[in-house]
PDB file of N, CA and C in Angstrom:
ATOM      1  N   UNK A   1       7.982 -18.413  16.164  1.00  0.00           N
ATOM      2  CA  UNK A   1       6.810 -18.990  15.546  1.00  0.00           C
ATOM      3  C   UNK A   1       5.679 -17.972  15.438  1.00  0.00           C
ATOM      4  N   UNK A   2       5.526 -17.145  16.467  1.00  0.00           N
ATOM      5  CA  UNK A   2       4.481 -16.122  16.437  1.00  0.00           C
ATOM      6  C   UNK A   2       4.735 -15.112  15.327  1.00  0.00           C
ATOM      7  N   UNK A   3       6.019 -14.815  15.043  1.00  0.00           N
ATOM      8  CA  UNK A   3       6.352 -13.874  13.979  1.00  0.00           C
ATOM      9  C   UNK A   3       5.877 -14.390  12.618  1.00  0.00           C
ATOM     10  N   UNK A   4       5.993 -15.701  12.394  1.00  0.00           N
ATOM     11  CA  UNK A   4       5.537 -16.277  11.124  1.00  0.00           C
ATOM     12  C   UNK A   4       4.031 -16.160  10.973  1.00  0.00           C
ATOM     13  N   UNK A   5       3.286 -16.330  12.062  1.00  0.00           N
ATOM     14  CA  UNK A   5       1.827 -16.192  12.015  1.00  0.00           C
ATOM     15  C   UNK A   5       1.428 -14.759  11.725  1.00  0.00           C
ATOM     16  N   UNK A   6       2.130 -13.818  12.356  1.00  0.00           N
ATOM     17  CA  UNK A   6       1.849 -12.397  12.128  1.00  0.00           C
ATOM     18  C   UNK A   6       2.172 -12.024  10.691  1.00  0.00           C
ATOM     19  N   UNK A   7       3.305 -12.498  10.186  1.00  0.00           N
ATOM     20  CA  UNK A   7       3.698 -12.216   8.807  1.00  0.00           C
ATOM     21  C   UNK A   7       2.674 -12.787   7.835  1.00  0.00           C
ATOM     22  N   UNK A   8       2.235 -14.000   8.077  1.00  0.00           N
ATOM     23  CA  UNK A   8       1.228 -14.619   7.208  1.00  0.00           C
ATOM     24  C   UNK A   8      -0.077 -13.830   7.246  1.00  0.00           C
ATOM     25  N   UNK A   9      -0.445 -13.348   8.428  1.00  0.00           N
ATOM     26  CA  UNK A   9      -1.668 -12.551   8.577  1.00  0.00           C
ATOM     27  C   UNK A   9      -1.559 -11.257   7.772  1.00  0.00           C
ATOM     28  N   UNK A  10      -0.419 -10.561   7.882  1.00  0.00           N
ATOM     29  CA  UNK A  10      -0.228  -9.304   7.143  1.00  0.00           C
ATOM     30  C   UNK A  10      -0.221  -9.548   5.639  1.00  0.00           C
ATOM     31  N   UNK A  11       0.404 -10.641   5.193  1.00  0.00           N
ATOM     32  CA  UNK A  11       0.425 -10.961   3.767  1.00  0.00           C
ATOM     33  C   UNK A  11      -0.983 -11.231   3.254  1.00  0.00           C
ATOM     34  N   UNK A  12      -1.777 -11.967   4.027  1.00  0.00           N
ATOM     35  CA  UNK A  12      -3.147 -12.277   3.620  1.00  0.00           C
ATOM     36  C   UNK A  12      -4.004 -11.019   3.568  1.00  0.00           C
ATOM     37  N   UNK A  13      -3.851 -10.142   4.555  1.00  0.00           N
ATOM     38  CA  UNK A  13      -4.616  -8.885   4.556  1.00  0.00           C
ATOM     39  C   UNK A  13      -4.244  -8.024   3.348  1.00  0.00           C
ATOM     40  N   UNK A  14      -2.964  -7.994   3.010  1.00  0.00           N
ATOM     41  CA  UNK A  14      -2.499  -7.208   1.869  1.00  0.00           C
ATOM     42  C   UNK A  14      -3.054  -7.779   0.563  1.00  0.00           C
ATOM     43  N   UNK A  15      -2.957  -9.070   0.407  1.00  0.00           N
ATOM     44  CA  UNK A  15      -3.435  -9.707  -0.824  1.00  0.00           C
ATOM     45  C   UNK A  15      -4.929  -9.496  -1.013  1.00  0.00           C
ATOM     46  N   UNK A  16      -5.677  -9.459   0.070  1.00  0.00           N
ATOM     47  CA  UNK A  16      -7.128  -9.288  -0.013  1.00  0.00           C
ATOM     48  C   UNK A  16      -7.533  -7.934  -0.587  1.00  0.00           C
ATOM     49  N   UNK A  17      -6.655  -6.936  -0.484  1.00  0.00           N
ATOM     50  CA  UNK A  17      -6.990  -5.590  -0.969  1.00  0.00           C
ATOM     51  C   UNK A  17      -6.100  -5.149  -2.133  1.00  0.00           C
ATOM     52  N   UNK A  18      -5.406  -6.095  -2.772  1.00  0.00           N
ATOM     53  CA  UNK A  18      -4.629  -5.771  -3.964  1.00  0.00           C
ATOM     54  C   UNK A  18      -3.238  -5.247  -3.699  1.00  0.00           C
ATOM     55  N   UNK A  19      -2.643  -5.627  -2.577  1.00  0.00           N
ATOM     56  CA  UNK A  19      -1.289  -5.201  -2.247  1.00  0.00           C
ATOM     57  C   UNK A  19      -0.389  -6.415  -2.083  1.00  0.00           C
ATOM     58  N   UNK A  20       0.909  -6.177  -2.198  1.00  0.00           N
ATOM     59  CA  UNK A  20       1.910  -7.198  -1.930  1.00  0.00           C
ATOM     60  C   UNK A  20       2.801  -6.667  -0.817  1.00  0.00           C
ATOM     61  N   UNK A  21       2.899  -7.380   0.276  1.00  0.00           N
ATOM     62  CA  UNK A  21       3.755  -6.984   1.388  1.00  0.00           C
ATOM     63  C   UNK A  21       5.198  -7.221   0.981  1.00  0.00           C
ATOM     64  N   UNK A  22       6.034  -6.158   1.038  1.00  0.00           N
ATOM     65  CA  UNK A  22       7.427  -6.310   0.638  1.00  0.00           C
ATOM     66  C   UNK A  22       8.409  -6.093   1.774  1.00  0.00           C
ATOM     67  N   UNK A  23       7.948  -5.630   2.939  1.00  0.00           N
ATOM     68  CA  UNK A  23       8.879  -5.491   4.047  1.00  0.00           C
ATOM     69  C   UNK A  23       8.376  -4.600   5.151  1.00  0.00           C
ATOM     70  N   UNK A  24       9.200  -4.441   6.184  1.00  0.00           N
ATOM     71  CA  UNK A  24       8.822  -3.585   7.315  1.00  0.00           C
ATOM     72  C   UNK A  24       8.785  -2.122   6.901  1.00  0.00           C
ATOM     73  N   UNK A  25       8.062  -1.324   7.664  1.00  0.00           N
ATOM     74  CA  UNK A  25       7.930   0.097   7.368  1.00  0.00           C
ATOM     75  C   UNK A  25       8.790   0.953   8.261  1.00  0.00           C
ATOM     76  N   UNK A  26       8.438   2.250   8.316  1.00  0.00           N
ATOM     77  CA  UNK A  26       9.247   3.205   9.072  1.00  0.00           C
ATOM     78  C   UNK A  26       9.099   3.047  10.575  1.00  0.00           C
ATOM     79  N   UNK A  27       8.012   2.419  11.031  1.00  0.00           N
ATOM     80  CA  UNK A  27       7.866   2.063  12.447  1.00  0.00           C
ATOM     81  C   UNK A  27       6.937   0.863  12.555  1.00  0.00           C
ATOM     82  N   UNK A  28       6.588   0.476  13.760  1.00  0.00           N
ATOM     83  CA  UNK A  28       5.826  -0.753  13.980  1.00  0.00           C
ATOM     84  C   UNK A  28       4.431  -0.719  13.366  1.00  0.00           C
ATOM     85  N   UNK A  29       3.870   0.446  13.132  1.00  0.00           N
ATOM     86  CA  UNK A  29       2.512   0.547  12.584  1.00  0.00           C
ATOM     87  C   UNK A  29       2.469   0.555  11.060  1.00  0.00           C
ATOM     88  N   UNK A  30       3.606   0.634  10.412  1.00  0.00           N
ATOM     89  CA  UNK A  30       3.677   0.736   8.956  1.00  0.00           C
ATOM     90  C   UNK A  30       4.352  -0.490   8.361  1.00  0.00           C
ATOM     91  N   UNK A  31       4.010  -0.787   7.108  1.00  0.00           N
ATOM     92  CA  UNK A  31       4.684  -1.808   6.320  1.00  0.00           C
ATOM     93  C   UNK A  31       4.866  -1.240   4.917  1.00  0.00           C
ATOM     94  N   UNK A  32       5.858  -1.761   4.206  1.00  0.00           N
ATOM     95  CA  UNK A  32       6.064  -1.397   2.810  1.00  0.00           C
ATOM     96  C   UNK A  32       5.258  -2.346   1.947  1.00  0.00           C
ATOM     97  N   UNK A  33       4.464  -1.766   1.058  1.00  0.00           N
ATOM     98  CA  UNK A  33       3.607  -2.546   0.176  1.00  0.00           C
ATOM     99  C   UNK A  33       3.844  -2.142  -1.271  1.00  0.00           C
ATOM    100  N   UNK A  34       3.600  -3.080  -2.178  1.00  0.00           N
ATOM    101  CA  UNK A  34       3.594  -2.799  -3.614  1.00  0.00           C
ATOM    102  C   UNK A  34       2.159  -2.968  -4.088  1.00  0.00           C
ATOM    103  N   UNK A  35       1.686  -2.009  -4.858  1.00  0.00           N
ATOM    104  CA  UNK A  35       0.341  -2.073  -5.413  1.00  0.00           C
ATOM    105  C   UNK A  35       0.352  -3.059  -6.579  1.00  0.00           C
ATOM    106  N   UNK A  36      -0.520  -4.036  -6.530  1.00  0.00           N
ATOM    107  CA  UNK A  36      -0.579  -5.067  -7.575  1.00  0.00           C
ATOM    108  C   UNK A  36      -0.939  -4.467  -8.928  1.00  0.00           C
ATOM    109  N   UNK A  37      -1.804  -3.491  -8.927  1.00  0.00           N
ATOM    110  CA  UNK A  37      -2.326  -2.921 -10.170  1.00  0.00           C
ATOM    111  C   UNK A  37      -1.277  -2.090 -10.922  1.00  0.00           C
ATOM    112  N   UNK A  38      -0.559  -1.236 -10.212  1.00  0.00           N
ATOM    113  CA  UNK A  38       0.352  -0.309 -10.889  1.00  0.00           C
ATOM    114  C   UNK A  38       1.837  -0.585 -10.618  1.00  0.00           C
ATOM    115  N   UNK A  39       2.155  -1.323  -9.581  1.00  0.00           N
ATOM    116  CA  UNK A  39       3.545  -1.646  -9.276  1.00  0.00           C
ATOM    117  C   UNK A  39       4.270  -0.625  -8.422  1.00  0.00           C
ATOM    118  N   UNK A  40       3.607   0.479  -8.075  1.00  0.00           N
ATOM    119  CA  UNK A  40       4.225   1.472  -7.207  1.00  0.00           C
ATOM    120  C   UNK A  40       4.335   0.927  -5.786  1.00  0.00           C
ATOM    121  N   UNK A  41       5.244   1.509  -5.006  1.00  0.00           N
ATOM    122  CA  UNK A  41       5.447   1.089  -3.625  1.00  0.00           C
ATOM    123  C   UNK A  41       5.185   2.249  -2.683  1.00  0.00           C
ATOM    124  N   UNK A  42       4.704   1.911  -1.463  1.00  0.00           N
ATOM    125  CA  UNK A  42       4.411   2.950  -0.480  1.00  0.00           C
ATOM    126  C   UNK A  42       4.415   2.358   0.919  1.00  0.00           C
ATOM    127  N   UNK A  43       4.660   3.215   1.907  1.00  0.00           N
ATOM    128  CA  UNK A  43       4.521   2.876   3.321  1.00  0.00           C
ATOM    129  C   UNK A  43       3.076   3.129   3.706  1.00  0.00           C
ATOM    130  N   UNK A  44       2.393   2.119   4.225  1.00  0.00           N
ATOM    131  CA  UNK A  44       0.985   2.247   4.589  1.00  0.00           C
ATOM    132  C   UNK A  44       0.798   1.630   5.965  1.00  0.00           C
ATOM    133  N   UNK A  45      -0.055   2.239   6.776  1.00  0.00           N
ATOM    134  CA  UNK A  45      -0.323   1.667   8.097  1.00  0.00           C
ATOM    135  C   UNK A  45      -1.097   0.359   7.942  1.00  0.00           C
ATOM    136  N   UNK A  46      -0.862  -0.543   8.864  1.00  0.00           N
ATOM    137  CA  UNK A  46      -1.569  -1.820   8.825  1.00  0.00           C
ATOM    138  C   UNK A  46      -3.067  -1.611   9.032  1.00  0.00           C
ATOM    139  N   UNK A  47      -3.457  -0.609   9.805  1.00  0.00           N
ATOM    140  CA  UNK A  47      -4.879  -0.316  10.022  1.00  0.00           C
ATOM    141  C   UNK A  47      -5.534   0.129   8.714  1.00  0.00           C
ATOM    142  N   UNK A  48      -4.855   0.966   7.937  1.00  0.00           N
ATOM    143  CA  UNK A  48      -5.394   1.422   6.659  1.00  0.00           C
ATOM    144  C   UNK A  48      -5.588   0.248   5.701  1.00  0.00           C
ATOM    145  N   UNK A  49      -4.666  -0.705   5.734  1.00  0.00           N
ATOM    146  CA  UNK A  49      -4.792  -1.893   4.879  1.00  0.00           C
ATOM    147  C   UNK A  49      -5.990  -2.717   5.322  1.00  0.00           C
ATOM    148  N   UNK A  50      -6.115  -2.938   6.622  1.00  0.00           N
ATOM    149  CA  UNK A  50      -7.245  -3.727   7.144  1.00  0.00           C
ATOM    150  C   UNK A  50      -8.584  -3.083   6.802  1.00  0.00           C
ATOM    151  N   UNK A  51      -8.635  -1.744   6.863  1.00  0.00           N
ATOM    152  CA  UNK A  51      -9.874  -1.015   6.601  1.00  0.00           C
ATOM    153  C   UNK A  51     -10.051  -0.653   5.126  1.00  0.00           C
ATOM    154  N   UNK A  52      -9.071  -1.015   4.291  1.00  0.00           N
ATOM    155  CA  UNK A  52      -9.080  -0.689   2.866  1.00  0.00           C
ATOM    156  C   UNK A  52      -9.250   0.821   2.657  1.00  0.00           C
ATOM    157  N   UNK A  53      -8.507   1.603   3.407  1.00  0.00           N
ATOM    158  CA  UNK A  53      -8.572   3.069   3.370  1.00  0.00           C
ATOM    159  C   UNK A  53      -7.235   3.646   2.918  1.00  0.00           C
ATOM    160  N   UNK A  54      -6.829   3.364   1.690  1.00  0.00           N
ATOM    161  CA  UNK A  54      -5.556   3.835   1.166  1.00  0.00           C
ATOM    162  C   UNK A  54      -5.701   4.019  -0.337  1.00  0.00           C
ATOM    163  N   UNK A  55      -4.734   4.675  -0.938  1.00  0.00           N
ATOM    164  CA  UNK A  55      -4.670   4.806  -2.392  1.00  0.00           C
ATOM    165  C   UNK A  55      -3.210   4.960  -2.779  1.00  0.00           C
ATOM    166  N   UNK A  56      -2.921   4.725  -4.026  1.00  0.00           N
ATOM    167  CA  UNK A  56      -1.565   4.909  -4.527  1.00  0.00           C
ATOM    168  C   UNK A  56      -1.345   6.409  -4.715  1.00  0.00           C
ATOM    169  N   UNK A  57      -0.541   6.975  -3.867  1.00  0.00           N
ATOM    170  CA  UNK A  57      -0.308   8.416  -3.911  1.00  0.00           C
ATOM    171  C   UNK A  57       0.396   8.832  -5.203  1.00  0.00           C
ATOM    172  N   UNK A  58       1.279   7.997  -5.700  1.00  0.00           N
ATOM    173  CA  UNK A  58       1.998   8.322  -6.925  1.00  0.00           C
ATOM    174  C   UNK A  58       1.048   8.356  -8.124  1.00  0.00           C
ATOM    175  N   UNK A  59       0.134   7.398  -8.218  1.00  0.00           N
ATOM    176  CA  UNK A  59      -0.865   7.408  -9.299  1.00  0.00           C
ATOM    177  C   UNK A  59      -1.794   8.615  -9.175  1.00  0.00           C
ATOM    178  N   UNK A  60      -2.176   8.935  -7.939  1.00  0.00           N
ATOM    179  CA  UNK A  60      -3.045  10.075  -7.701  1.00  0.00           C
ATOM    180  C   UNK A  60      -2.361  11.372  -8.159  1.00  0.00           C
ATOM    181  N   UNK A  61      -1.073  11.530  -7.828  1.00  0.00           N
ATOM    182  CA  UNK A  61      -0.334  12.725  -8.243  1.00  0.00           C
ATOM    183  C   UNK A  61      -0.200  12.797  -9.760  1.00  0.00           C
ATOM    184  N   UNK A  62       0.052  11.655 -10.407  1.00  0.00           N
ATOM    185  CA  UNK A  62       0.151  11.630 -11.860  1.00  0.00           C
ATOM    186  C   UNK A  62      -1.177  12.013 -12.511  1.00  0.00           C
ATOM    187  N   UNK A  63      -2.279  11.554 -11.930  1.00  0.00           N
ATOM    188  CA  UNK A  63      -3.607  11.899 -12.439  1.00  0.00           C
ATOM    189  C   UNK A  63      -3.864  13.401 -12.323  1.00  0.00           C
ATOM    190  N   UNK A  64      -3.496  13.974 -11.166  1.00  0.00           N
ATOM    191  CA  UNK A  64      -3.686  15.414 -10.981  1.00  0.00           C
ATOM    192  C   UNK A  64      -2.836  16.218 -11.953  1.00  0.00           C
ATOM    193  N   UNK A  65      -1.597  15.786 -12.178  1.00  0.00           N
ATOM    194  CA  UNK A  65      -0.724  16.479 -13.134  1.00  0.00           C
ATOM    195  C   UNK A  65      -1.291  16.423 -14.545  1.00  0.00           C
ATOM    196  N   UNK A  66      -1.828  15.261 -14.928  1.00  0.00           N
ATOM    197  CA  UNK A  66      -2.418  15.124 -16.263  1.00  0.00           C
ATOM    198  C   UNK A  66      -3.642  16.024 -16.410  1.00  0.00           C
ATOM    199  N   UNK A  67      -4.481  16.088 -15.384  1.00  0.00           N
ATOM    200  CA  UNK A  67      -5.656  16.954 -15.429  1.00  0.00           C
ATOM    201  C   UNK A  67      -5.256  18.426 -15.494  1.00  0.00           C
ATOM    202  N   UNK A  68      -4.236  18.791 -14.740  1.00  0.00           N
ATOM    203  CA  UNK A  68      -3.769  20.177 -14.742  1.00  0.00           C
ATOM    204  C   UNK A  68      -3.194  20.544 -16.113  1.00  0.00           C
ATOM    205  N   UNK A  69      -2.491  19.640 -16.735  1.00  0.00           N
ATOM    206  CA  UNK A  69      -1.913  19.887 -18.056  1.00  0.00           C
ATOM    207  C   UNK A  69      -2.999  20.053 -19.121  1.00  0.00           C
ATOM    208  N   UNK A  70      -4.048  19.245 -19.009  1.00  0.00           N
ATOM    209  CA  UNK A  70      -5.110  19.332 -20.007  1.00  0.00           C
ATOM    210  C   UNK A  70      -5.925  20.609 -19.882  1.00  0.00           C
ATOM    211  N   UNK A  71      -6.017  21.150 -18.655  1.00  0.00           N
ATOM    212  CA  UNK A  71      -6.757  22.374 -18.432  1.00  0.00           C
ATOM    213  C   UNK A  71      -5.914  23.602 -18.784  1.00  0.00           C
ATOM    214  N   UNK A  72      -4.642  23.465 -18.528  1.00  0.00           N
ATOM    215  CA  UNK A  72      -3.739  24.568 -18.881  1.00  0.00           C
ATOM    216  C   UNK A  72      -3.259  25.207 -17.678  1.00  0.00           C
TER     217      UNK A  72
END
């Protein structure tokens, strides 16, 4: 029963910051999330989600590549 409460808490925290919880992560401090805006997936610490201190690394890399291409 406690696991269901914890799962509900993690889902609510994720939804509040634009993420969808999709499963467990690489260890107890991480979870797999899908970004609602772009659909990319990443392992993020639960603390980073609570503090809203994360970004989509794949989108960030794509942005940097596009900027580098435009500059030459």
